[in-house]
Amino acid sequence: MPSDVVISAAVEGMVDEAVICRLLTHAGAIPGIIYGKNGKQDIRLKIQGYNRAAQHTPWIVLVDLDNDADCAPILHATWLPDPARFMCFRIAVRQVEAWLLADREQIASFLAVRRDKIPRDPESLVNPKEILVELARKSRSREIREEMVPRTGSGRRVGPGYPSRVIEFASRHWRPDVASVHAASLSRAIECLRCLVTRQQGSGVLSE
């Protein structure tokens, strides 16, 4: 059920912003100002400031695990061993693209590929973003291939329209409840947000 709770966020980039906004509304919150969007190291430098702000108002900080640690709890303990009362610090295993791949039916339809081509355990992938691009390469849709797959010789990891297409999927087609069944770190993020909404409502302070 929607609430009046406004939650601020910090993320690595534009795709993560779309994912966080979708998760916030899914958890019944109102997206506040989204900070960061300047890479992972920028968040690392500023996380203590975000944590101080979360002593009084609700926050979620989302980063990818990547290969920075063997597991999310280790990275969590290294970055933020003492989260504030209203802080939800979550780590996508190993990239936020794994959360999107976890909704196999919808991502297959969006990319115009067979569902059996979508990995069943996306959080076990070393590089989910790379897998997403490879799936787009096999798409029956010429537009998907041209926009999401890097051009030969470009030296880029993704195509020119990759961010806009993934943002479109995350915002309009992705089902976090379905995806959370196949992505444990996503399930924990949703639960954390729902608890944060409940905690903030109980505090009597609903927004910044």
N, C-alpha and C. Protein backbone atom coordinates (compact mmCIF):
# COMPACT_ATOMS: atom_id res chain seq x y z
N MET A 1 0.84 -1.19 0.00
CA MET A 1 0.00 0.00 0.00
C MET A 1 0.88 1.25 0.00
N PRO A 2 0.59 2.24 -0.89
CA PRO A 2 1.40 3.46 -0.92
C PRO A 2 1.36 4.20 0.41
N SER A 3 2.45 4.87 0.72
CA SER A 3 2.54 5.63 1.95
C SER A 3 3.02 7.04 1.63
N ASP A 4 3.18 7.84 2.68
CA ASP A 4 3.72 9.19 2.51
C ASP A 4 5.21 9.25 2.81
N VAL A 5 5.85 8.09 2.94
CA VAL A 5 7.26 8.05 3.29
C VAL A 5 8.12 8.36 2.06
N VAL A 6 8.95 9.38 2.19
CA VAL A 6 9.88 9.76 1.12
C VAL A 6 11.26 9.20 1.47
N ILE A 7 11.86 8.48 0.53
CA ILE A 7 13.17 7.88 0.78
C ILE A 7 14.17 8.41 -0.23
N SER A 8 15.24 9.00 0.28
CA SER A 8 16.34 9.46 -0.58
C SER A 8 17.22 8.27 -0.95
N ALA A 9 18.01 8.44 -2.00
CA ALA A 9 18.84 7.32 -2.46
C ALA A 9 20.15 7.82 -3.03
N ALA A 10 21.11 6.91 -3.08
CA ALA A 10 22.38 7.15 -3.76
C ALA A 10 22.70 5.90 -4.58
N VAL A 11 23.05 6.10 -5.84
CA VAL A 11 23.29 4.99 -6.75
C VAL A 11 24.50 5.27 -7.63
N GLU A 12 24.94 4.24 -8.34
CA GLU A 12 26.13 4.37 -9.18
C GLU A 12 25.86 5.11 -10.48
N GLY A 13 24.68 4.88 -11.09
CA GLY A 13 24.42 5.47 -12.40
C GLY A 13 22.94 5.52 -12.73
N MET A 14 22.66 5.85 -13.99
CA MET A 14 21.28 6.07 -14.43
C MET A 14 20.43 4.80 -14.40
N VAL A 15 21.01 3.68 -14.79
CA VAL A 15 20.27 2.42 -14.76
C VAL A 15 19.87 2.09 -13.33
N ASP A 16 20.81 2.25 -12.41
CA ASP A 16 20.54 1.97 -11.00
C ASP A 16 19.46 2.91 -10.46
N GLU A 17 19.44 4.15 -10.95
CA GLU A 17 18.41 5.10 -10.53
C GLU A 17 17.02 4.59 -10.91
N ALA A 18 16.89 4.07 -12.13
CA ALA A 18 15.60 3.54 -12.57
C ALA A 18 15.18 2.34 -11.73
N VAL A 19 16.14 1.48 -11.41
CA VAL A 19 15.86 0.31 -10.58
C VAL A 19 15.42 0.73 -9.18
N ILE A 20 16.13 1.68 -8.59
CA ILE A 20 15.79 2.13 -7.24
C ILE A 20 14.42 2.78 -7.20
N CYS A 21 14.11 3.62 -8.17
CA CYS A 21 12.80 4.27 -8.20
C CYS A 21 11.69 3.23 -8.32
N ARG A 22 11.92 2.20 -9.13
CA ARG A 22 10.92 1.13 -9.27
C ARG A 22 10.77 0.37 -7.95
N LEU A 23 11.88 0.10 -7.27
CA LEU A 23 11.84 -0.62 -6.00
C LEU A 23 11.16 0.21 -4.91
N LEU A 24 11.41 1.50 -4.90
CA LEU A 24 10.80 2.37 -3.89
C LEU A 24 9.29 2.38 -4.03
N THR A 25 8.80 2.55 -5.24
CA THR A 25 7.35 2.55 -5.43
C THR A 25 6.77 1.16 -5.14
N HIS A 26 7.52 0.12 -5.49
CA HIS A 26 7.07 -1.24 -5.21
C HIS A 26 6.94 -1.49 -3.71
N ALA A 27 7.83 -0.87 -2.93
CA ALA A 27 7.81 -1.04 -1.48
C ALA A 27 6.83 -0.08 -0.79
N GLY A 28 6.15 0.76 -1.58
CA GLY A 28 5.17 1.65 -1.01
C GLY A 28 5.70 3.00 -0.60
N ALA A 29 6.91 3.34 -1.06
CA ALA A 29 7.52 4.63 -0.69
C ALA A 29 7.48 5.59 -1.87
N ILE A 30 7.83 6.84 -1.59
CA ILE A 30 7.93 7.87 -2.61
C ILE A 30 9.41 8.15 -2.86
N PRO A 31 9.90 8.04 -4.09
CA PRO A 31 11.30 8.34 -4.36
C PRO A 31 11.62 9.80 -4.05
N GLY A 32 12.67 10.01 -3.25
CA GLY A 32 13.13 11.36 -2.98
C GLY A 32 14.23 11.73 -3.96
N ILE A 33 15.14 12.60 -3.53
CA ILE A 33 16.26 12.98 -4.38
C ILE A 33 17.20 11.79 -4.54
N ILE A 34 17.64 11.54 -5.77
CA ILE A 34 18.58 10.46 -6.05
C ILE A 34 19.97 11.07 -6.22
N TYR A 35 20.86 10.73 -5.31
CA TYR A 35 22.21 11.28 -5.31
C TYR A 35 23.19 10.31 -6.00
N GLY A 36 24.41 10.77 -6.15
CA GLY A 36 25.45 9.93 -6.73
C GLY A 36 25.42 10.00 -8.24
N LYS A 37 25.18 8.83 -8.87
CA LYS A 37 25.14 8.71 -10.33
C LYS A 37 26.47 9.10 -10.95
N ASN A 38 27.53 8.93 -10.16
CA ASN A 38 28.87 9.27 -10.64
C ASN A 38 29.86 8.15 -10.36
N GLY A 39 29.34 6.91 -10.35
CA GLY A 39 30.22 5.77 -10.17
C GLY A 39 30.30 5.27 -8.74
N LYS A 40 30.86 4.10 -8.62
CA LYS A 40 30.91 3.40 -7.33
C LYS A 40 31.86 4.06 -6.34
N GLN A 41 33.01 4.51 -6.80
CA GLN A 41 33.98 5.11 -5.89
C GLN A 41 33.47 6.42 -5.29
N ASP A 42 32.66 7.13 -6.06
CA ASP A 42 32.06 8.36 -5.54
C ASP A 42 31.16 8.05 -4.34
N ILE A 43 30.39 6.96 -4.44
CA ILE A 43 29.54 6.55 -3.32
C ILE A 43 30.40 6.12 -2.14
N ARG A 44 31.49 5.42 -2.43
CA ARG A 44 32.39 4.98 -1.35
C ARG A 44 32.90 6.17 -0.55
N LEU A 45 33.22 7.24 -1.23
CA LEU A 45 33.74 8.43 -0.56
C LEU A 45 32.68 9.16 0.25
N LYS A 46 31.42 9.05 -0.18
CA LYS A 46 30.36 9.85 0.43
C LYS A 46 29.43 9.06 1.35
N ILE A 47 29.66 7.76 1.50
CA ILE A 47 28.68 6.94 2.20
C ILE A 47 28.53 7.32 3.67
N GLN A 48 29.58 7.79 4.30
CA GLN A 48 29.45 8.19 5.69
C GLN A 48 28.56 9.43 5.82
N GLY A 49 28.62 10.31 4.85
CA GLY A 49 27.73 11.46 4.85
C GLY A 49 26.28 11.05 4.66
N TYR A 50 26.05 10.10 3.75
CA TYR A 50 24.70 9.58 3.58
C TYR A 50 24.21 8.92 4.87
N ASN A 51 25.11 8.21 5.52
CA ASN A 51 24.74 7.52 6.75
C ASN A 51 24.38 8.51 7.87
N ARG A 52 25.09 9.61 7.92
CA ARG A 52 24.74 10.64 8.92
C ARG A 52 23.35 11.20 8.65
N ALA A 53 23.06 11.42 7.38
CA ALA A 53 21.72 11.92 7.03
C ALA A 53 20.64 10.91 7.42
N ALA A 54 20.99 9.61 7.35
CA ALA A 54 20.03 8.55 7.66
C ALA A 54 19.79 8.38 9.16
N GLN A 55 20.43 9.18 9.97
CA GLN A 55 20.11 9.18 11.40
C GLN A 55 18.74 9.81 11.64
N HIS A 56 18.29 10.62 10.66
CA HIS A 56 17.05 11.37 10.84
C HIS A 56 16.00 11.10 9.76
N THR A 57 16.44 10.79 8.54
CA THR A 57 15.50 10.56 7.45
C THR A 57 15.90 9.29 6.70
N PRO A 58 14.94 8.64 6.02
CA PRO A 58 15.22 7.34 5.39
C PRO A 58 16.05 7.44 4.11
N TRP A 59 16.97 6.51 3.97
CA TRP A 59 17.89 6.45 2.84
C TRP A 59 18.05 5.01 2.38
N ILE A 60 18.28 4.87 1.07
CA ILE A 60 18.79 3.61 0.53
C ILE A 60 20.00 3.93 -0.34
N VAL A 61 21.07 3.18 -0.12
CA VAL A 61 22.28 3.28 -0.95
C VAL A 61 22.46 1.93 -1.63
N LEU A 62 22.58 1.95 -2.95
CA LEU A 62 22.71 0.71 -3.72
C LEU A 62 24.00 0.72 -4.51
N VAL A 63 24.79 -0.34 -4.37
CA VAL A 63 25.99 -0.53 -5.18
C VAL A 63 26.04 -1.98 -5.68
N ASP A 64 26.81 -2.19 -6.73
CA ASP A 64 27.05 -3.55 -7.22
C ASP A 64 28.16 -4.20 -6.41
N LEU A 65 28.05 -5.50 -6.22
CA LEU A 65 29.13 -6.25 -5.58
C LEU A 65 30.34 -6.32 -6.50
N ASP A 66 30.08 -6.52 -7.80
CA ASP A 66 31.15 -6.73 -8.79
C ASP A 66 32.11 -7.81 -8.26
N ASN A 67 33.41 -7.55 -8.34
CA ASN A 67 34.40 -8.48 -7.80
C ASN A 67 35.16 -7.86 -6.64
N ASP A 68 34.52 -6.92 -5.95
CA ASP A 68 35.18 -6.21 -4.87
C ASP A 68 35.27 -7.01 -3.58
N ALA A 69 34.48 -8.07 -3.48
CA ALA A 69 34.51 -8.94 -2.30
C ALA A 69 33.92 -10.28 -2.69
N ASP A 70 34.17 -11.29 -1.85
CA ASP A 70 33.65 -12.62 -2.14
C ASP A 70 32.13 -12.69 -1.99
N CYS A 71 31.58 -11.85 -1.11
CA CYS A 71 30.14 -11.88 -0.90
C CYS A 71 29.68 -10.51 -0.40
N ALA A 72 28.38 -10.28 -0.48
CA ALA A 72 27.82 -8.99 -0.08
C ALA A 72 28.07 -8.64 1.39
N PRO A 73 27.92 -9.58 2.34
CA PRO A 73 28.16 -9.22 3.74
C PRO A 73 29.56 -8.68 4.01
N ILE A 74 30.57 -9.20 3.30
CA ILE A 74 31.93 -8.70 3.50
C ILE A 74 32.04 -7.25 3.03
N LEU A 75 31.47 -6.96 1.86
CA LEU A 75 31.52 -5.59 1.35
C LEU A 75 30.73 -4.66 2.27
N HIS A 76 29.60 -5.12 2.74
CA HIS A 76 28.76 -4.32 3.66
C HIS A 76 29.55 -3.97 4.92
N ALA A 77 30.22 -4.95 5.49
CA ALA A 77 30.98 -4.73 6.73
C ALA A 77 32.16 -3.80 6.50
N THR A 78 32.73 -3.84 5.31
CA THR A 78 33.87 -2.98 5.00
C THR A 78 33.44 -1.54 4.78
N TRP A 79 32.35 -1.36 4.05
CA TRP A 79 31.91 -0.02 3.70
C TRP A 79 31.13 0.66 4.83
N LEU A 80 30.24 -0.10 5.47
CA LEU A 80 29.34 0.54 6.44
C LEU A 80 29.02 -0.45 7.57
N PRO A 81 29.97 -0.63 8.49
CA PRO A 81 29.77 -1.60 9.57
C PRO A 81 28.70 -1.18 10.58
N ASP A 82 28.38 0.12 10.63
CA ASP A 82 27.42 0.61 11.62
C ASP A 82 26.37 1.50 10.95
N PRO A 83 25.44 0.90 10.20
CA PRO A 83 24.44 1.71 9.50
C PRO A 83 23.51 2.43 10.47
N ALA A 84 23.11 3.63 10.10
CA ALA A 84 22.19 4.42 10.91
C ALA A 84 20.79 3.78 10.93
N ARG A 85 19.96 4.27 11.83
CA ARG A 85 18.63 3.69 12.03
C ARG A 85 17.80 3.67 10.75
N PHE A 86 17.91 4.74 9.95
CA PHE A 86 17.08 4.84 8.76
C PHE A 86 17.88 4.60 7.47
N MET A 87 18.96 3.85 7.58
CA MET A 87 19.79 3.52 6.42
C MET A 87 19.50 2.12 5.93
N CYS A 88 19.26 2.00 4.63
CA CYS A 88 19.14 0.70 3.98
C CYS A 88 20.27 0.63 2.95
N PHE A 89 21.37 -0.01 3.31
CA PHE A 89 22.52 -0.16 2.42
C PHE A 89 22.45 -1.53 1.78
N ARG A 90 22.24 -1.57 0.47
CA ARG A 90 22.04 -2.84 -0.22
C ARG A 90 23.08 -3.02 -1.33
N ILE A 91 23.40 -4.28 -1.58
CA ILE A 91 24.42 -4.65 -2.56
C ILE A 91 23.83 -5.65 -3.54
N ALA A 92 23.86 -5.30 -4.82
CA ALA A 92 23.34 -6.19 -5.86
C ALA A 92 24.41 -7.22 -6.22
N VAL A 93 24.05 -8.49 -6.22
CA VAL A 93 24.97 -9.58 -6.53
C VAL A 93 24.72 -10.04 -7.96
N ARG A 94 25.78 -9.98 -8.85
CA ARG A 94 26.96 -9.16 -8.65
C ARG A 94 26.80 -7.79 -9.30
N GLN A 95 25.76 -7.64 -10.07
CA GLN A 95 25.43 -6.35 -10.67
C GLN A 95 23.91 -6.22 -10.70
N VAL A 96 23.43 -5.00 -10.78
CA VAL A 96 21.99 -4.80 -10.75
C VAL A 96 21.31 -5.45 -11.95
N GLU A 97 22.05 -5.67 -13.03
CA GLU A 97 21.47 -6.35 -14.19
C GLU A 97 21.01 -7.76 -13.84
N ALA A 98 21.62 -8.38 -12.82
CA ALA A 98 21.17 -9.71 -12.39
C ALA A 98 19.74 -9.64 -11.88
N TRP A 99 19.39 -8.55 -11.21
CA TRP A 99 18.02 -8.38 -10.71
C TRP A 99 17.02 -8.29 -11.87
N LEU A 100 17.43 -7.66 -12.94
CA LEU A 100 16.56 -7.53 -14.11
C LEU A 100 16.42 -8.86 -14.84
N LEU A 101 17.52 -9.59 -14.95
CA LEU A 101 17.48 -10.91 -15.59
C LEU A 101 16.62 -11.90 -14.80
N ALA A 102 16.46 -11.65 -13.52
CA ALA A 102 15.71 -12.57 -12.66
C ALA A 102 14.22 -12.61 -13.00
N ASP A 103 13.73 -11.61 -13.70
CA ASP A 103 12.35 -11.67 -14.23
C ASP A 103 12.46 -12.24 -15.64
N ARG A 104 12.62 -13.54 -15.74
CA ARG A 104 12.96 -14.21 -16.99
C ARG A 104 11.91 -14.00 -18.08
N GLU A 105 10.66 -14.09 -17.71
CA GLU A 105 9.59 -13.97 -18.72
C GLU A 105 9.58 -12.58 -19.35
N GLN A 106 9.66 -11.57 -18.52
CA GLN A 106 9.57 -10.20 -19.03
C GLN A 106 10.83 -9.79 -19.80
N ILE A 107 12.01 -10.17 -19.30
CA ILE A 107 13.23 -9.78 -20.01
C ILE A 107 13.33 -10.51 -21.35
N ALA A 108 12.86 -11.74 -21.41
CA ALA A 108 12.88 -12.48 -22.67
C ALA A 108 11.96 -11.80 -23.69
N SER A 109 10.78 -11.40 -23.23
CA SER A 109 9.84 -10.71 -24.11
C SER A 109 10.41 -9.37 -24.58
N PHE A 110 11.01 -8.63 -23.65
CA PHE A 110 11.55 -7.31 -23.98
C PHE A 110 12.69 -7.41 -24.98
N LEU A 111 13.57 -8.39 -24.79
CA LEU A 111 14.73 -8.56 -25.67
C LEU A 111 14.39 -9.33 -26.94
N ALA A 112 13.20 -9.90 -27.00
CA ALA A 112 12.79 -10.72 -28.14
C ALA A 112 13.73 -11.91 -28.32
N VAL A 113 13.89 -12.67 -27.23
CA VAL A 113 14.65 -13.92 -27.26
C VAL A 113 13.82 -14.99 -26.56
N ARG A 114 14.18 -16.25 -26.75
CA ARG A 114 13.46 -17.33 -26.07
C ARG A 114 13.76 -17.31 -24.59
N ARG A 115 12.75 -17.63 -23.79
CA ARG A 115 12.93 -17.58 -22.33
C ARG A 115 13.98 -18.58 -21.87
N ASP A 116 14.14 -19.71 -22.57
CA ASP A 116 15.12 -20.69 -22.12
C ASP A 116 16.55 -20.21 -22.33
N LYS A 117 16.73 -19.06 -22.98
CA LYS A 117 18.06 -18.47 -23.13
C LYS A 117 18.45 -17.64 -21.91
N ILE A 118 17.47 -17.30 -21.07
CA ILE A 118 17.73 -16.45 -19.91
C ILE A 118 18.27 -17.32 -18.77
N PRO A 119 19.40 -16.96 -18.16
CA PRO A 119 19.96 -17.76 -17.05
C PRO A 119 18.96 -17.90 -15.91
N ARG A 120 18.93 -19.10 -15.32
CA ARG A 120 18.00 -19.36 -14.23
C ARG A 120 18.52 -18.87 -12.89
N ASP A 121 19.82 -18.69 -12.78
CA ASP A 121 20.42 -18.24 -11.52
C ASP A 121 21.30 -17.02 -11.81
N PRO A 122 20.69 -15.86 -12.04
CA PRO A 122 21.46 -14.70 -12.49
C PRO A 122 22.49 -14.21 -11.48
N GLU A 123 22.28 -14.46 -10.19
CA GLU A 123 23.24 -13.99 -9.20
C GLU A 123 24.51 -14.82 -9.18
N SER A 124 24.53 -15.92 -9.90
CA SER A 124 25.75 -16.72 -10.00
C SER A 124 26.64 -16.25 -11.15
N LEU A 125 26.14 -15.33 -11.96
CA LEU A 125 26.90 -14.84 -13.11
C LEU A 125 28.02 -13.90 -12.65
N VAL A 126 29.16 -14.02 -13.28
CA VAL A 126 30.29 -13.15 -12.96
C VAL A 126 30.04 -11.73 -13.47
N ASN A 127 29.42 -11.63 -14.67
CA ASN A 127 29.19 -10.33 -15.28
C ASN A 127 27.80 -10.31 -15.93
N PRO A 128 26.76 -10.05 -15.15
CA PRO A 128 25.40 -10.04 -15.70
C PRO A 128 25.19 -9.03 -16.83
N LYS A 129 25.87 -7.88 -16.75
CA LYS A 129 25.72 -6.88 -17.81
C LYS A 129 26.20 -7.46 -19.14
N GLU A 130 27.30 -8.16 -19.12
CA GLU A 130 27.84 -8.78 -20.33
C GLU A 130 26.86 -9.81 -20.89
N ILE A 131 26.24 -10.57 -20.02
CA ILE A 131 25.25 -11.57 -20.45
C ILE A 131 24.05 -10.88 -21.07
N LEU A 132 23.62 -9.76 -20.49
CA LEU A 132 22.49 -9.01 -21.03
C LEU A 132 22.78 -8.53 -22.45
N VAL A 133 24.00 -8.07 -22.67
CA VAL A 133 24.40 -7.62 -24.01
C VAL A 133 24.43 -8.80 -24.98
N GLU A 134 24.93 -9.94 -24.53
CA GLU A 134 24.99 -11.12 -25.40
C GLU A 134 23.58 -11.61 -25.75
N LEU A 135 22.67 -11.51 -24.83
CA LEU A 135 21.28 -11.86 -25.13
C LEU A 135 20.71 -10.92 -26.17
N ALA A 136 21.01 -9.63 -26.03
CA ALA A 136 20.54 -8.64 -27.01
C ALA A 136 21.11 -8.93 -28.39
N ARG A 137 22.33 -9.45 -28.42
CA ARG A 137 22.97 -9.78 -29.69
C ARG A 137 22.18 -10.86 -30.45
N LYS A 138 21.47 -11.72 -29.71
CA LYS A 138 20.69 -12.81 -30.30
C LYS A 138 19.23 -12.42 -30.53
N SER A 139 18.89 -11.17 -30.28
CA SER A 139 17.50 -10.73 -30.36
C SER A 139 16.95 -10.83 -31.78
N ARG A 140 15.65 -11.11 -31.86
CA ARG A 140 14.97 -11.10 -33.14
C ARG A 140 14.67 -9.67 -33.59
N SER A 141 14.84 -8.73 -32.66
CA SER A 141 14.56 -7.33 -32.95
C SER A 141 15.82 -6.61 -33.43
N ARG A 142 15.76 -6.06 -34.60
CA ARG A 142 16.90 -5.31 -35.13
C ARG A 142 17.21 -4.10 -34.27
N GLU A 143 16.17 -3.44 -33.77
CA GLU A 143 16.37 -2.25 -32.93
C GLU A 143 17.11 -2.59 -31.65
N ILE A 144 16.73 -3.70 -31.02
CA ILE A 144 17.42 -4.12 -29.80
C ILE A 144 18.88 -4.40 -30.08
N ARG A 145 19.16 -5.10 -31.15
CA ARG A 145 20.55 -5.41 -31.50
C ARG A 145 21.35 -4.14 -31.76
N GLU A 146 20.80 -3.24 -32.52
CA GLU A 146 21.54 -2.03 -32.90
C GLU A 146 21.76 -1.10 -31.71
N GLU A 147 20.80 -1.08 -30.78
CA GLU A 147 20.89 -0.13 -29.68
C GLU A 147 21.68 -0.67 -28.48
N MET A 148 21.57 -1.96 -28.22
CA MET A 148 22.17 -2.50 -26.99
C MET A 148 23.52 -3.17 -27.20
N VAL A 149 23.83 -3.56 -28.42
CA VAL A 149 25.09 -4.26 -28.70
C VAL A 149 26.13 -3.27 -29.22
N PRO A 150 27.34 -3.28 -28.68
CA PRO A 150 28.36 -2.34 -29.17
C PRO A 150 28.74 -2.61 -30.61
N ARG A 151 29.01 -1.54 -31.32
CA ARG A 151 29.41 -1.67 -32.72
C ARG A 151 30.81 -2.24 -32.81
N THR A 152 31.04 -3.03 -33.83
CA THR A 152 32.35 -3.63 -34.03
C THR A 152 33.43 -2.55 -34.14
N GLY A 153 34.50 -2.72 -33.34
CA GLY A 153 35.60 -1.77 -33.38
C GLY A 153 35.40 -0.55 -32.52
N SER A 154 34.25 -0.45 -31.83
CA SER A 154 33.99 0.74 -31.01
C SER A 154 34.78 0.73 -29.71
N GLY A 155 35.17 -0.45 -29.27
CA GLY A 155 35.89 -0.57 -28.01
C GLY A 155 35.00 -0.41 -26.79
N ARG A 156 33.69 -0.31 -27.01
CA ARG A 156 32.75 -0.14 -25.91
C ARG A 156 32.19 -1.49 -25.46
N ARG A 157 31.75 -1.54 -24.21
CA ARG A 157 31.18 -2.78 -23.66
C ARG A 157 29.70 -2.91 -23.98
N VAL A 158 29.03 -1.78 -24.21
CA VAL A 158 27.60 -1.79 -24.50
C VAL A 158 27.31 -0.89 -25.68
N GLY A 159 26.14 -1.08 -26.25
CA GLY A 159 25.73 -0.26 -27.38
C GLY A 159 25.28 1.13 -26.96
N PRO A 160 25.10 2.03 -27.93
CA PRO A 160 24.77 3.43 -27.63
C PRO A 160 23.42 3.60 -26.93
N GLY A 161 22.51 2.69 -27.19
CA GLY A 161 21.18 2.82 -26.58
C GLY A 161 20.97 1.90 -25.39
N TYR A 162 22.05 1.30 -24.91
CA TYR A 162 21.92 0.36 -23.79
C TYR A 162 21.27 0.99 -22.56
N PRO A 163 21.77 2.13 -22.07
CA PRO A 163 21.16 2.69 -20.86
C PRO A 163 19.68 2.98 -21.01
N SER A 164 19.29 3.61 -22.13
CA SER A 164 17.89 3.99 -22.30
C SER A 164 16.99 2.76 -22.40
N ARG A 165 17.46 1.71 -23.06
CA ARG A 165 16.66 0.49 -23.18
C ARG A 165 16.51 -0.21 -21.83
N VAL A 166 17.59 -0.30 -21.06
CA VAL A 166 17.52 -0.97 -19.76
C VAL A 166 16.67 -0.15 -18.79
N ILE A 167 16.78 1.17 -18.86
CA ILE A 167 15.94 2.03 -18.03
C ILE A 167 14.47 1.83 -18.38
N GLU A 168 14.18 1.74 -19.68
CA GLU A 168 12.80 1.48 -20.12
C GLU A 168 12.27 0.17 -19.54
N PHE A 169 13.10 -0.86 -19.59
CA PHE A 169 12.67 -2.15 -19.05
C PHE A 169 12.44 -2.08 -17.55
N ALA A 170 13.40 -1.50 -16.83
CA ALA A 170 13.29 -1.44 -15.37
C ALA A 170 12.08 -0.62 -14.94
N SER A 171 11.78 0.44 -15.66
CA SER A 171 10.71 1.36 -15.26
C SER A 171 9.32 0.85 -15.64
N ARG A 172 9.22 0.17 -16.78
CA ARG A 172 7.89 -0.13 -17.32
C ARG A 172 7.51 -1.61 -17.34
N HIS A 173 8.49 -2.49 -17.37
CA HIS A 173 8.18 -3.91 -17.59
C HIS A 173 8.62 -4.83 -16.46
N TRP A 174 9.64 -4.45 -15.73
CA TRP A 174 10.24 -5.30 -14.71
C TRP A 174 9.29 -5.50 -13.54
N ARG A 175 9.23 -6.75 -13.03
CA ARG A 175 8.38 -7.10 -11.89
C ARG A 175 9.28 -7.50 -10.72
N PRO A 176 9.54 -6.59 -9.79
CA PRO A 176 10.45 -6.90 -8.68
C PRO A 176 9.99 -8.09 -7.85
N ASP A 177 8.67 -8.26 -7.66
CA ASP A 177 8.20 -9.38 -6.85
C ASP A 177 8.52 -10.72 -7.49
N VAL A 178 8.36 -10.80 -8.81
CA VAL A 178 8.70 -12.03 -9.54
C VAL A 178 10.21 -12.24 -9.52
N ALA A 179 10.96 -11.19 -9.81
CA ALA A 179 12.42 -11.30 -9.87
C ALA A 179 13.02 -11.68 -8.53
N SER A 180 12.42 -11.22 -7.44
CA SER A 180 12.99 -11.47 -6.11
C SER A 180 13.01 -12.95 -5.74
N VAL A 181 12.16 -13.74 -6.39
CA VAL A 181 12.14 -15.19 -6.13
C VAL A 181 13.45 -15.83 -6.59
N HIS A 182 14.08 -15.23 -7.60
CA HIS A 182 15.29 -15.82 -8.19
C HIS A 182 16.54 -14.98 -7.93
N ALA A 183 16.43 -13.98 -7.05
CA ALA A 183 17.57 -13.13 -6.73
C ALA A 183 17.50 -12.77 -5.25
N ALA A 184 18.29 -13.47 -4.46
CA ALA A 184 18.21 -13.31 -3.00
C ALA A 184 18.57 -11.90 -2.55
N SER A 185 19.57 -11.29 -3.19
CA SER A 185 19.96 -9.94 -2.77
C SER A 185 18.86 -8.93 -3.08
N LEU A 186 18.09 -9.17 -4.13
CA LEU A 186 16.94 -8.32 -4.43
C LEU A 186 15.84 -8.52 -3.40
N SER A 187 15.59 -9.75 -3.05
CA SER A 187 14.58 -10.04 -2.03
C SER A 187 14.91 -9.33 -0.72
N ARG A 188 16.18 -9.35 -0.34
CA ARG A 188 16.59 -8.68 0.90
C ARG A 188 16.46 -7.17 0.78
N ALA A 189 16.71 -6.63 -0.40
CA ALA A 189 16.57 -5.19 -0.61
C ALA A 189 15.12 -4.76 -0.47
N ILE A 190 14.22 -5.54 -1.03
CA ILE A 190 12.79 -5.22 -0.93
C ILE A 190 12.34 -5.28 0.52
N GLU A 191 12.76 -6.31 1.23
CA GLU A 191 12.40 -6.45 2.64
C GLU A 191 12.95 -5.30 3.47
N CYS A 192 14.19 -4.91 3.17
CA CYS A 192 14.81 -3.79 3.89
C CYS A 192 14.02 -2.51 3.67
N LEU A 193 13.60 -2.26 2.43
CA LEU A 193 12.83 -1.06 2.12
C LEU A 193 11.47 -1.07 2.82
N ARG A 194 10.83 -2.22 2.82
CA ARG A 194 9.52 -2.30 3.49
C ARG A 194 9.65 -2.07 5.00
N CYS A 195 10.69 -2.62 5.57
CA CYS A 195 10.94 -2.39 7.00
C CYS A 195 11.24 -0.92 7.27
N LEU A 196 11.97 -0.29 6.34
CA LEU A 196 12.31 1.12 6.48
C LEU A 196 11.05 1.99 6.43
N VAL A 197 10.14 1.65 5.52
CA VAL A 197 8.87 2.38 5.45
C VAL A 197 8.11 2.26 6.75
N THR A 198 8.02 1.04 7.28
CA THR A 198 7.31 0.80 8.54
C THR A 198 7.97 1.54 9.69
N ARG A 199 9.29 1.51 9.75
CA ARG A 199 10.03 2.17 10.82
C ARG A 199 9.82 3.68 10.76
N GLN A 200 9.84 4.22 9.54
CA GLN A 200 9.69 5.67 9.41
C GLN A 200 8.28 6.11 9.76
N GLN A 201 7.28 5.30 9.39
CA GLN A 201 5.91 5.62 9.75
C GLN A 201 5.75 5.61 11.27
N GLY A 202 6.41 4.68 11.92
CA GLY A 202 6.34 4.59 13.37
C GLY A 202 7.01 5.73 14.08
N SER A 203 7.97 6.39 13.38
CA SER A 203 8.69 7.49 13.99
C SER A 203 7.88 8.79 13.99
N GLY A 204 6.88 8.82 13.10
CA GLY A 204 6.06 10.02 13.00
C GLY A 204 6.66 11.09 12.10
N VAL A 205 7.81 10.80 11.48
CA VAL A 205 8.43 11.74 10.54
C VAL A 205 8.41 11.08 9.17
N LEU A 206 7.61 11.62 8.26
CA LEU A 206 7.34 10.93 7.00
C LEU A 206 8.16 11.41 5.82
N SER A 207 8.84 12.51 5.94
CA SER A 207 9.62 12.99 4.80
C SER A 207 10.78 13.83 5.27
N GLU A 208 11.58 14.27 4.27
CA GLU A 208 12.75 15.06 4.60
C GLU A 208 12.36 16.40 5.21
